[in-house]
């Protein structure tokens, strides 16, 4: 389920632990049951993507603080402010590299669907807001609340202004017909 989990994510699933609080936001999810912070998905238009972090990268440290668990990462991000620039030490394969990341404001609205490069639904989590609203695999979203959208990034920009609990009306092409789908946005998972 991938940008703007809201939002949708670049073809990935939601993190198992919702990120609490209101600190800064990185825009990544991490796989469960690991003893490191290997990124399982990144959100479109997120600080992680802007810094060049991607699936499979392992976050080793932020601002010199070594991190091994999602709990440690969450606590560190809670102490940071949106807009802060942090130094992230990340491992990609056998090589470590340092990147600067400008942390964002937490985005909480969550649609719970992943899309192809167009807005065709490619995956959805079983209990996502999108699925509960009636969106189906293969649907092609063409508008949200009457505003035409053509890419996941355009949908994300629109949904960034929304909050959990907000109702949006998606217009989608399903087979040869146009359908309207009411979705109540959920709270976005991830860090």
N, C-alpha and C. Protein backbone atom coordinates (compact mmCIF):
# COMPACT_ATOMS: atom_id res chain seq x y z
N UNK A 1 0.83 -1.17 0.00
CA UNK A 1 0.00 0.00 0.00
C UNK A 1 0.86 1.21 0.00
N UNK A 2 1.07 1.74 -0.90
CA UNK A 2 2.09 2.68 -0.89
C UNK A 2 1.69 4.14 -1.03
N UNK A 3 1.82 6.68 -1.94
CA UNK A 3 1.90 8.02 -1.45
C UNK A 3 0.75 8.60 -1.07
N UNK A 4 0.58 8.19 -0.86
CA UNK A 4 0.15 9.06 0.05
C UNK A 4 -0.89 8.45 0.92
N UNK A 5 0.47 6.40 1.75
CA UNK A 5 -0.29 6.11 2.54
C UNK A 5 -0.35 7.58 2.55
N UNK A 6 -1.85 8.54 3.18
CA UNK A 6 -2.81 9.44 3.63
C UNK A 6 -3.82 8.46 3.54
N UNK A 7 -2.45 8.27 3.09
CA UNK A 7 -1.77 8.82 1.96
C UNK A 7 -1.29 7.67 1.16
N UNK A 8 -0.60 8.03 0.22
CA UNK A 8 -0.20 6.98 -0.66
C UNK A 8 1.26 6.72 -0.45
N UNK A 9 1.66 5.54 -0.62
CA UNK A 9 3.06 5.23 -0.54
C UNK A 9 3.50 4.65 -1.85
N UNK A 10 4.77 4.76 -2.11
CA UNK A 10 5.32 4.24 -3.35
C UNK A 10 5.30 2.73 -3.29
N UNK A 11 4.24 2.12 -3.49
CA UNK A 11 4.06 0.67 -3.53
C UNK A 11 4.60 -0.05 -2.31
N UNK A 12 4.09 0.28 -1.14
CA UNK A 12 4.48 -0.38 0.08
C UNK A 12 3.32 -0.49 1.05
N UNK A 13 3.55 -1.20 2.14
CA UNK A 13 2.48 -1.44 3.11
C UNK A 13 2.65 -0.57 4.34
N UNK A 14 1.59 -0.40 5.13
CA UNK A 14 1.69 0.46 6.30
C UNK A 14 2.52 -0.17 7.40
N UNK A 15 3.18 0.67 8.17
CA UNK A 15 4.01 0.20 9.27
C UNK A 15 3.13 -0.41 10.35
N UNK A 16 3.64 -1.37 11.08
CA UNK A 16 2.84 -2.03 12.08
C UNK A 16 2.57 -1.18 13.32
N UNK A 17 3.41 -0.17 13.57
CA UNK A 17 3.24 0.66 14.75
C UNK A 17 2.97 2.09 14.35
N UNK A 18 1.81 2.66 14.70
CA UNK A 18 1.57 4.05 14.38
C UNK A 18 2.54 4.94 15.13
N UNK A 19 2.98 5.99 14.52
CA UNK A 19 3.91 6.92 15.13
C UNK A 19 3.13 7.87 16.02
N UNK A 20 3.42 7.91 17.32
CA UNK A 20 2.69 8.79 18.21
C UNK A 20 3.19 10.22 18.14
N UNK A 21 2.43 11.14 18.75
CA UNK A 21 2.90 12.49 18.97
C UNK A 21 2.92 13.39 17.76
N UNK A 22 3.60 14.50 17.93
CA UNK A 22 3.55 15.55 16.92
C UNK A 22 4.92 16.08 16.56
N UNK A 23 5.99 15.34 16.77
CA UNK A 23 7.33 15.81 16.44
C UNK A 23 7.52 15.92 14.94
N UNK A 24 8.73 15.67 14.50
CA UNK A 24 9.06 15.78 13.08
C UNK A 24 8.79 14.45 12.37
N UNK A 25 8.79 14.51 11.04
CA UNK A 25 8.38 13.39 10.21
C UNK A 25 9.44 13.10 9.16
N UNK A 26 9.82 11.82 9.03
CA UNK A 26 10.80 11.38 8.05
C UNK A 26 10.14 10.88 6.77
N UNK A 27 9.02 10.16 6.89
CA UNK A 27 8.31 9.65 5.72
C UNK A 27 8.72 8.26 5.30
N UNK A 28 8.98 7.39 6.30
CA UNK A 28 9.39 6.02 6.00
C UNK A 28 8.69 5.04 6.93
N UNK A 29 8.62 3.81 6.47
CA UNK A 29 8.11 2.71 7.27
C UNK A 29 9.19 1.64 7.35
N UNK A 30 9.14 0.84 8.40
CA UNK A 30 10.16 -0.15 8.65
C UNK A 30 9.51 -1.50 8.89
N UNK A 31 10.15 -2.54 8.39
CA UNK A 31 9.59 -3.88 8.52
C UNK A 31 9.60 -4.37 9.95
N UNK A 32 8.59 -5.18 10.32
CA UNK A 32 8.52 -5.73 11.68
C UNK A 32 9.51 -6.88 11.86
N UNK A 33 9.87 -7.12 13.11
CA UNK A 33 10.67 -8.29 13.44
C UNK A 33 12.13 -8.21 13.03
N UNK A 34 12.63 -7.01 12.81
CA UNK A 34 14.04 -6.86 12.44
C UNK A 34 14.80 -6.27 13.62
N UNK A 35 16.11 -6.46 13.61
CA UNK A 35 16.92 -5.87 14.68
C UNK A 35 17.67 -4.64 14.16
N UNK A 36 17.15 -4.05 13.08
CA UNK A 36 17.72 -2.82 12.56
C UNK A 36 16.59 -1.98 11.97
N UNK A 37 16.92 -0.81 11.45
CA UNK A 37 15.92 0.09 10.87
C UNK A 37 15.99 0.06 9.35
N UNK A 38 15.70 -1.11 8.77
CA UNK A 38 15.67 -1.22 7.32
C UNK A 38 14.34 -0.68 6.80
N UNK A 39 14.44 0.26 5.87
CA UNK A 39 13.25 0.89 5.32
C UNK A 39 12.50 -0.11 4.44
N UNK A 40 11.21 -0.28 4.75
CA UNK A 40 10.38 -1.16 3.92
C UNK A 40 9.60 -0.37 2.89
N UNK A 41 9.36 0.92 3.17
CA UNK A 41 8.70 1.78 2.20
C UNK A 41 8.92 3.24 2.56
N UNK A 42 8.88 4.06 1.54
CA UNK A 42 8.97 5.50 1.72
C UNK A 42 7.75 6.13 1.07
N UNK A 43 7.33 7.27 1.61
CA UNK A 43 6.16 7.94 1.09
C UNK A 43 6.55 8.95 0.01
N UNK A 44 5.70 9.03 -1.00
CA UNK A 44 5.91 9.99 -2.07
C UNK A 44 5.98 11.38 -1.47
N UNK A 45 6.85 12.21 -1.98
CA UNK A 45 7.00 13.60 -1.55
C UNK A 45 7.44 13.73 -0.10
N UNK A 46 8.05 12.70 0.46
CA UNK A 46 8.47 12.74 1.86
C UNK A 46 9.91 13.26 1.98
N UNK A 47 10.30 13.68 3.19
CA UNK A 47 11.69 14.08 3.40
C UNK A 47 12.67 12.94 3.07
N UNK A 48 12.30 11.70 3.36
CA UNK A 48 13.18 10.55 3.07
C UNK A 48 13.46 10.46 1.57
N UNK A 49 12.42 10.59 0.76
CA UNK A 49 12.58 10.52 -0.70
C UNK A 49 13.44 11.69 -1.19
N UNK A 50 13.16 12.89 -0.68
CA UNK A 50 13.91 14.08 -1.10
C UNK A 50 15.40 13.94 -0.82
N UNK A 51 15.74 13.20 0.25
CA UNK A 51 17.14 13.01 0.61
C UNK A 51 17.79 11.83 -0.12
N UNK A 52 16.99 11.08 -0.88
CA UNK A 52 17.53 9.95 -1.62
C UNK A 52 17.47 8.63 -0.89
N UNK A 53 16.77 8.57 0.24
CA UNK A 53 16.62 7.30 0.95
C UNK A 53 15.53 6.47 0.27
N UNK A 54 15.69 5.15 0.32
CA UNK A 54 14.71 4.29 -0.36
C UNK A 54 14.58 2.94 0.30
N UNK A 55 13.73 2.12 -0.28
CA UNK A 55 13.49 0.77 0.24
C UNK A 55 14.80 0.00 0.34
N UNK A 56 14.98 -0.67 1.45
CA UNK A 56 16.18 -1.48 1.66
C UNK A 56 17.30 -0.74 2.36
N UNK A 57 17.29 0.59 2.34
CA UNK A 57 18.30 1.34 3.08
C UNK A 57 18.11 1.08 4.57
N UNK A 58 19.19 1.08 5.32
CA UNK A 58 19.13 0.89 6.77
C UNK A 58 19.61 2.17 7.43
N UNK A 59 18.76 2.76 8.27
CA UNK A 59 19.17 3.94 9.02
C UNK A 59 20.00 3.46 10.20
N UNK A 60 21.25 3.94 10.25
CA UNK A 60 22.19 3.53 11.29
C UNK A 60 22.19 4.56 12.43
N UNK A 61 22.19 5.86 12.07
CA UNK A 61 22.26 6.91 13.09
C UNK A 61 21.65 8.19 12.54
N UNK A 62 21.18 9.03 13.45
CA UNK A 62 20.71 10.37 13.10
C UNK A 62 21.41 11.34 14.04
N UNK A 63 22.06 12.33 13.47
CA UNK A 63 22.82 13.33 14.23
C UNK A 63 23.77 12.67 15.23
N UNK A 64 24.40 11.57 14.81
CA UNK A 64 25.38 10.89 15.64
C UNK A 64 24.80 9.92 16.66
N UNK A 65 23.50 9.87 16.81
CA UNK A 65 22.86 8.95 17.75
C UNK A 65 22.55 7.64 17.03
N UNK A 66 23.19 6.56 17.47
CA UNK A 66 22.94 5.25 16.87
C UNK A 66 21.53 4.79 17.20
N UNK A 67 20.86 4.22 16.21
CA UNK A 67 19.48 3.76 16.37
C UNK A 67 19.37 2.32 15.92
N UNK A 68 18.58 1.51 16.66
CA UNK A 68 18.37 0.13 16.27
C UNK A 68 16.89 -0.24 16.19
N UNK A 69 16.03 0.52 16.88
CA UNK A 69 14.62 0.13 16.93
C UNK A 69 13.71 1.28 16.49
N UNK A 70 12.49 0.91 16.12
CA UNK A 70 11.50 1.92 15.76
C UNK A 70 11.17 2.79 16.95
N UNK A 71 11.18 2.22 18.14
CA UNK A 71 10.91 2.99 19.36
C UNK A 71 11.96 4.08 19.55
N UNK A 72 13.24 3.73 19.35
CA UNK A 72 14.32 4.72 19.47
C UNK A 72 14.16 5.81 18.41
N UNK A 73 13.83 5.42 17.18
CA UNK A 73 13.64 6.40 16.11
C UNK A 73 12.46 7.32 16.44
N UNK A 74 11.35 6.74 16.90
CA UNK A 74 10.18 7.54 17.25
C UNK A 74 10.49 8.55 18.34
N UNK A 75 11.23 8.12 19.37
CA UNK A 75 11.59 9.03 20.46
C UNK A 75 12.47 10.17 19.96
N UNK A 76 13.42 9.85 19.08
CA UNK A 76 14.30 10.89 18.53
C UNK A 76 13.49 11.89 17.70
N UNK A 77 12.61 11.39 16.84
CA UNK A 77 11.81 12.28 15.99
C UNK A 77 10.85 13.14 16.82
N UNK A 78 10.39 12.62 17.95
CA UNK A 78 9.51 13.40 18.82
C UNK A 78 10.22 14.65 19.34
N UNK A 79 11.53 14.57 19.50
CA UNK A 79 12.31 15.70 20.04
C UNK A 79 12.71 16.71 18.97
N UNK A 80 12.49 16.36 17.70
CA UNK A 80 12.87 17.25 16.60
C UNK A 80 11.68 18.08 16.15
N UNK A 81 11.98 19.22 15.57
CA UNK A 81 10.92 20.09 15.04
C UNK A 81 10.86 19.95 13.52
N UNK A 82 9.65 20.05 12.95
CA UNK A 82 9.56 20.07 11.49
C UNK A 82 10.43 21.21 10.94
N UNK A 83 11.14 20.93 9.87
CA UNK A 83 12.04 21.91 9.28
C UNK A 83 13.48 21.75 9.72
N UNK A 84 13.71 20.99 10.80
CA UNK A 84 15.07 20.75 11.26
C UNK A 84 15.81 19.92 10.22
N UNK A 85 17.09 20.23 10.03
CA UNK A 85 17.92 19.45 9.12
C UNK A 85 18.79 18.53 9.97
N UNK A 86 18.67 17.23 9.71
CA UNK A 86 19.44 16.24 10.46
C UNK A 86 20.38 15.50 9.51
N UNK A 87 21.44 14.97 10.11
CA UNK A 87 22.40 14.16 9.36
C UNK A 87 22.07 12.69 9.60
N UNK A 88 21.76 11.99 8.52
CA UNK A 88 21.39 10.58 8.62
C UNK A 88 22.52 9.73 8.05
N UNK A 89 23.00 8.78 8.87
CA UNK A 89 23.95 7.79 8.40
C UNK A 89 23.13 6.57 7.99
N UNK A 90 23.21 6.22 6.71
CA UNK A 90 22.41 5.11 6.19
C UNK A 90 23.32 4.11 5.48
N UNK A 91 22.93 2.84 5.55
CA UNK A 91 23.67 1.79 4.86
C UNK A 91 22.83 1.30 3.70
N UNK A 92 23.45 1.25 2.53
CA UNK A 92 22.82 0.70 1.34
C UNK A 92 23.75 -0.41 0.87
N UNK A 93 23.31 -1.65 1.07
CA UNK A 93 24.19 -2.77 0.78
C UNK A 93 25.36 -2.71 1.74
N UNK A 94 26.58 -2.88 1.25
CA UNK A 94 27.73 -2.86 2.15
C UNK A 94 28.26 -1.44 2.44
N UNK A 95 27.75 -0.44 1.75
CA UNK A 95 28.31 0.91 1.88
C UNK A 95 27.45 1.80 2.78
N UNK A 96 28.14 2.56 3.63
CA UNK A 96 27.45 3.56 4.44
C UNK A 96 27.64 4.92 3.78
N UNK A 97 26.61 5.75 3.91
CA UNK A 97 26.69 7.10 3.36
C UNK A 97 25.93 8.04 4.29
N UNK A 98 26.28 9.31 4.21
CA UNK A 98 25.65 10.33 5.03
C UNK A 98 24.81 11.23 4.13
N UNK A 99 23.57 11.49 4.55
CA UNK A 99 22.70 12.39 3.81
C UNK A 99 22.08 13.39 4.78
N UNK A 100 21.80 14.56 4.29
CA UNK A 100 21.09 15.58 5.06
C UNK A 100 19.61 15.44 4.75
N UNK A 101 18.79 15.46 5.78
CA UNK A 101 17.35 15.33 5.62
C UNK A 101 16.68 16.51 6.33
N UNK A 102 15.86 17.24 5.59
CA UNK A 102 15.05 18.29 6.20
C UNK A 102 13.73 17.64 6.62
N UNK A 103 13.56 17.48 7.93
CA UNK A 103 12.38 16.80 8.45
C UNK A 103 11.11 17.59 8.17
N UNK A 104 10.04 16.87 7.98
CA UNK A 104 8.76 17.50 7.66
C UNK A 104 7.80 17.51 8.83
N UNK A 105 6.68 18.13 8.58
CA UNK A 105 5.58 18.14 9.54
C UNK A 105 4.84 16.82 9.38
N UNK A 106 4.50 16.18 10.49
CA UNK A 106 3.76 14.91 10.37
C UNK A 106 2.50 15.09 9.54
N UNK A 107 2.30 14.18 8.62
CA UNK A 107 1.10 14.17 7.79
C UNK A 107 0.30 12.98 8.28
N UNK A 108 -0.88 13.23 8.76
CA UNK A 108 -1.61 12.15 9.40
C UNK A 108 -2.71 11.53 8.58
N UNK A 109 -3.26 12.24 7.59
CA UNK A 109 -4.37 11.67 6.82
C UNK A 109 -3.87 10.49 5.97
N UNK A 110 -4.66 9.43 5.93
CA UNK A 110 -4.22 8.18 5.30
C UNK A 110 -5.34 7.60 4.44
N UNK A 111 -5.03 7.36 3.18
CA UNK A 111 -5.98 6.75 2.26
C UNK A 111 -5.84 5.23 2.27
N UNK A 112 -4.60 4.76 2.27
CA UNK A 112 -4.37 3.33 2.40
C UNK A 112 -4.40 2.55 1.11
N UNK A 113 -3.94 3.17 0.03
CA UNK A 113 -3.87 2.48 -1.26
C UNK A 113 -2.55 2.81 -1.92
N UNK A 114 -2.04 1.89 -2.70
CA UNK A 114 -0.84 2.12 -3.49
C UNK A 114 -1.24 2.17 -4.95
N UNK A 115 -0.49 2.95 -5.72
CA UNK A 115 -0.85 3.19 -7.10
C UNK A 115 0.32 2.92 -8.02
N UNK A 116 -0.02 2.67 -9.28
CA UNK A 116 0.99 2.60 -10.33
C UNK A 116 1.42 4.03 -10.60
N UNK A 117 2.21 4.26 -11.64
CA UNK A 117 2.64 5.62 -11.97
C UNK A 117 1.45 6.51 -12.32
N UNK A 118 0.36 5.89 -12.75
CA UNK A 118 -0.90 6.61 -12.90
C UNK A 118 -1.60 6.47 -11.55
N UNK A 119 -2.84 6.69 -11.48
CA UNK A 119 -3.57 6.50 -10.23
C UNK A 119 -4.40 5.23 -10.25
N UNK A 120 -3.89 4.19 -10.91
CA UNK A 120 -4.56 2.89 -10.90
C UNK A 120 -4.18 2.18 -9.60
N UNK A 121 -5.17 1.72 -8.86
CA UNK A 121 -4.94 1.07 -7.57
C UNK A 121 -4.23 -0.26 -7.80
N UNK A 122 -3.03 -0.39 -7.20
CA UNK A 122 -2.26 -1.63 -7.37
C UNK A 122 -2.33 -2.51 -6.13
N UNK A 123 -2.41 -1.92 -4.94
CA UNK A 123 -2.55 -2.69 -3.71
C UNK A 123 -3.30 -1.87 -2.66
N UNK A 124 -3.90 -2.59 -1.72
CA UNK A 124 -4.55 -1.97 -0.57
C UNK A 124 -4.44 -2.92 0.61
N UNK A 125 -4.24 -2.36 1.77
CA UNK A 125 -4.25 -3.16 2.98
C UNK A 125 -5.68 -3.61 3.24
N UNK A 126 -5.84 -4.77 3.87
CA UNK A 126 -7.17 -5.35 4.08
C UNK A 126 -8.14 -4.40 4.76
N UNK A 127 -7.69 -3.65 5.75
CA UNK A 127 -8.61 -2.79 6.49
C UNK A 127 -8.31 -1.31 6.27
N UNK A 128 -7.90 -0.96 5.08
CA UNK A 128 -7.56 0.44 4.79
C UNK A 128 -8.81 1.29 4.62
N UNK A 129 -8.69 2.61 4.84
CA UNK A 129 -9.83 3.49 4.59
C UNK A 129 -10.35 3.37 3.15
N UNK A 130 -9.43 3.25 2.19
CA UNK A 130 -9.83 3.14 0.78
C UNK A 130 -10.69 1.89 0.55
N UNK A 131 -10.25 0.76 1.08
CA UNK A 131 -11.00 -0.49 0.90
C UNK A 131 -12.36 -0.41 1.61
N UNK A 132 -12.36 0.14 2.82
CA UNK A 132 -13.63 0.28 3.55
C UNK A 132 -14.61 1.17 2.79
N UNK A 133 -14.08 2.16 2.05
CA UNK A 133 -14.94 3.06 1.29
C UNK A 133 -15.46 2.45 0.00
N UNK A 134 -14.86 1.35 -0.44
CA UNK A 134 -15.33 0.69 -1.65
C UNK A 134 -14.39 0.77 -2.84
N UNK A 135 -13.21 1.37 -2.68
CA UNK A 135 -12.22 1.38 -3.76
C UNK A 135 -11.80 -0.07 -4.03
N UNK A 136 -11.54 -0.40 -5.30
CA UNK A 136 -11.17 -1.76 -5.66
C UNK A 136 -9.85 -1.77 -6.42
N UNK A 137 -9.16 -2.90 -6.33
CA UNK A 137 -7.93 -3.08 -7.12
C UNK A 137 -8.27 -2.86 -8.59
N UNK A 138 -7.42 -2.13 -9.29
CA UNK A 138 -7.64 -1.86 -10.71
C UNK A 138 -8.41 -0.58 -10.99
N UNK A 139 -9.08 -0.02 -9.97
CA UNK A 139 -9.76 1.27 -10.17
C UNK A 139 -8.72 2.32 -10.57
N UNK A 140 -9.13 3.23 -11.43
CA UNK A 140 -8.26 4.33 -11.85
C UNK A 140 -8.88 5.63 -11.33
N UNK A 141 -8.23 6.24 -10.35
CA UNK A 141 -8.75 7.49 -9.79
C UNK A 141 -8.50 8.62 -10.78
N UNK A 142 -9.54 9.39 -11.06
CA UNK A 142 -9.42 10.51 -12.01
C UNK A 142 -9.70 11.85 -11.35
N UNK A 143 -10.34 11.83 -10.15
CA UNK A 143 -10.63 13.08 -9.45
C UNK A 143 -10.83 12.80 -7.97
N UNK A 144 -10.59 13.83 -7.16
CA UNK A 144 -10.88 13.77 -5.74
C UNK A 144 -11.65 15.05 -5.39
N UNK A 145 -12.80 14.87 -4.78
CA UNK A 145 -13.69 16.00 -4.45
C UNK A 145 -13.94 16.89 -5.67
N UNK A 146 -14.07 16.26 -6.84
CA UNK A 146 -14.36 16.99 -8.07
C UNK A 146 -13.15 17.62 -8.74
N UNK A 147 -11.96 17.54 -8.13
CA UNK A 147 -10.73 18.11 -8.71
C UNK A 147 -9.99 17.00 -9.46
N UNK A 148 -9.72 17.24 -10.74
CA UNK A 148 -9.02 16.24 -11.54
C UNK A 148 -7.60 16.02 -11.01
N UNK A 149 -7.18 14.75 -10.95
CA UNK A 149 -5.83 14.38 -10.57
C UNK A 149 -5.35 13.31 -11.56
N UNK A 150 -4.05 13.35 -11.89
CA UNK A 150 -3.52 12.41 -12.87
C UNK A 150 -2.36 11.57 -12.35
N UNK A 151 -1.75 12.00 -11.24
CA UNK A 151 -0.58 11.28 -10.71
C UNK A 151 -0.72 11.11 -9.21
N UNK A 152 -0.01 10.12 -8.65
CA UNK A 152 -0.01 9.98 -7.19
C UNK A 152 0.46 11.27 -6.49
N UNK A 153 1.45 11.94 -7.06
CA UNK A 153 1.94 13.18 -6.44
C UNK A 153 0.85 14.24 -6.37
N UNK A 154 0.02 14.37 -7.40
CA UNK A 154 -1.08 15.34 -7.38
C UNK A 154 -2.10 14.98 -6.30
N UNK A 155 -2.38 13.70 -6.15
CA UNK A 155 -3.32 13.26 -5.12
C UNK A 155 -2.75 13.56 -3.73
N UNK A 156 -1.47 13.32 -3.56
CA UNK A 156 -0.82 13.58 -2.27
C UNK A 156 -0.91 15.06 -1.92
N UNK A 157 -0.61 15.92 -2.86
CA UNK A 157 -0.69 17.36 -2.61
C UNK A 157 -2.08 17.72 -2.11
N UNK A 158 -3.10 17.18 -2.73
CA UNK A 158 -4.47 17.47 -2.32
C UNK A 158 -4.74 16.92 -0.91
N UNK A 159 -4.33 15.69 -0.66
CA UNK A 159 -4.64 15.05 0.61
C UNK A 159 -3.83 15.59 1.78
N UNK A 160 -2.72 16.26 1.50
CA UNK A 160 -1.91 16.84 2.58
C UNK A 160 -2.70 17.85 3.40
N UNK A 161 -3.70 18.44 2.81
CA UNK A 161 -4.52 19.44 3.50
C UNK A 161 -5.63 18.81 4.33
N UNK A 162 -5.76 17.50 4.27
CA UNK A 162 -6.84 16.81 4.96
C UNK A 162 -6.37 16.24 6.29
N UNK A 163 -7.34 15.90 7.15
CA UNK A 163 -7.07 15.33 8.46
C UNK A 163 -7.76 13.97 8.56
N UNK A 164 -7.29 13.12 9.50
CA UNK A 164 -8.01 11.88 9.74
C UNK A 164 -9.46 12.20 10.09
N UNK A 165 -10.37 11.42 9.53
CA UNK A 165 -11.79 11.65 9.76
C UNK A 165 -12.47 12.47 8.68
N UNK A 166 -11.66 13.18 7.86
CA UNK A 166 -12.23 13.94 6.74
C UNK A 166 -12.78 12.98 5.69
N UNK A 167 -13.88 13.37 5.08
CA UNK A 167 -14.48 12.59 4.00
C UNK A 167 -14.03 13.16 2.67
N UNK A 168 -13.56 12.28 1.77
CA UNK A 168 -13.24 12.69 0.40
C UNK A 168 -14.06 11.83 -0.54
N UNK A 169 -14.39 12.39 -1.70
CA UNK A 169 -15.12 11.64 -2.71
C UNK A 169 -14.18 11.42 -3.89
N UNK A 170 -13.84 10.16 -4.11
CA UNK A 170 -12.97 9.79 -5.22
C UNK A 170 -13.84 9.45 -6.43
N UNK A 171 -13.44 9.95 -7.57
CA UNK A 171 -14.08 9.55 -8.83
C UNK A 171 -13.10 8.61 -9.51
N UNK A 172 -13.58 7.42 -9.86
CA UNK A 172 -12.69 6.41 -10.45
C UNK A 172 -13.34 5.78 -11.67
N UNK A 173 -12.48 5.34 -12.58
CA UNK A 173 -12.92 4.55 -13.72
C UNK A 173 -12.81 3.08 -13.30
N UNK A 174 -13.93 2.36 -13.38
CA UNK A 174 -13.96 0.95 -13.05
C UNK A 174 -14.56 0.25 -14.26
N UNK A 175 -13.76 -0.60 -14.87
CA UNK A 175 -14.16 -1.19 -16.14
C UNK A 175 -14.45 -0.04 -17.08
N UNK A 176 -15.67 0.06 -17.58
CA UNK A 176 -15.99 1.14 -18.53
C UNK A 176 -16.91 2.19 -17.92
N UNK A 177 -17.08 2.12 -16.58
CA UNK A 177 -17.97 3.10 -15.97
C UNK A 177 -17.24 3.96 -14.95
N UNK A 178 -17.81 5.13 -14.69
CA UNK A 178 -17.26 6.03 -13.69
C UNK A 178 -18.04 5.82 -12.39
N UNK A 179 -17.31 5.68 -11.28
CA UNK A 179 -17.94 5.47 -9.98
C UNK A 179 -17.45 6.53 -9.00
N UNK A 180 -18.32 6.88 -8.05
CA UNK A 180 -17.97 7.81 -6.97
C UNK A 180 -17.83 6.97 -5.70
N UNK A 181 -16.73 7.20 -4.98
CA UNK A 181 -16.43 6.42 -3.80
C UNK A 181 -16.17 7.37 -2.64
N UNK A 182 -16.95 7.24 -1.58
CA UNK A 182 -16.77 8.08 -0.39
C UNK A 182 -15.80 7.38 0.55
N UNK A 183 -14.72 8.08 0.90
CA UNK A 183 -13.71 7.50 1.79
C UNK A 183 -13.49 8.44 2.97
N UNK A 184 -13.59 7.89 4.17
CA UNK A 184 -13.24 8.62 5.37
C UNK A 184 -11.78 8.32 5.65
N UNK A 185 -10.95 9.36 5.59
CA UNK A 185 -9.50 9.19 5.75
C UNK A 185 -9.16 8.72 7.16
N UNK A 186 -8.13 7.87 7.22
CA UNK A 186 -7.66 7.35 8.51
C UNK A 186 -6.40 8.08 8.93
N UNK A 187 -5.81 7.60 10.03
CA UNK A 187 -4.55 8.15 10.52
C UNK A 187 -3.39 7.42 9.87
N UNK A 188 -2.46 8.18 9.36
CA UNK A 188 -1.33 7.61 8.63
C UNK A 188 -0.31 6.97 9.55
N UNK A 189 0.10 5.76 9.21
CA UNK A 189 1.16 5.10 9.98
C UNK A 189 2.53 5.57 9.53
N UNK A 190 3.55 5.10 10.19
CA UNK A 190 4.91 5.40 9.76
C UNK A 190 5.61 6.43 10.60
N UNK A 191 6.86 6.73 10.23
CA UNK A 191 7.73 7.65 10.97
C UNK A 191 8.15 8.81 10.11
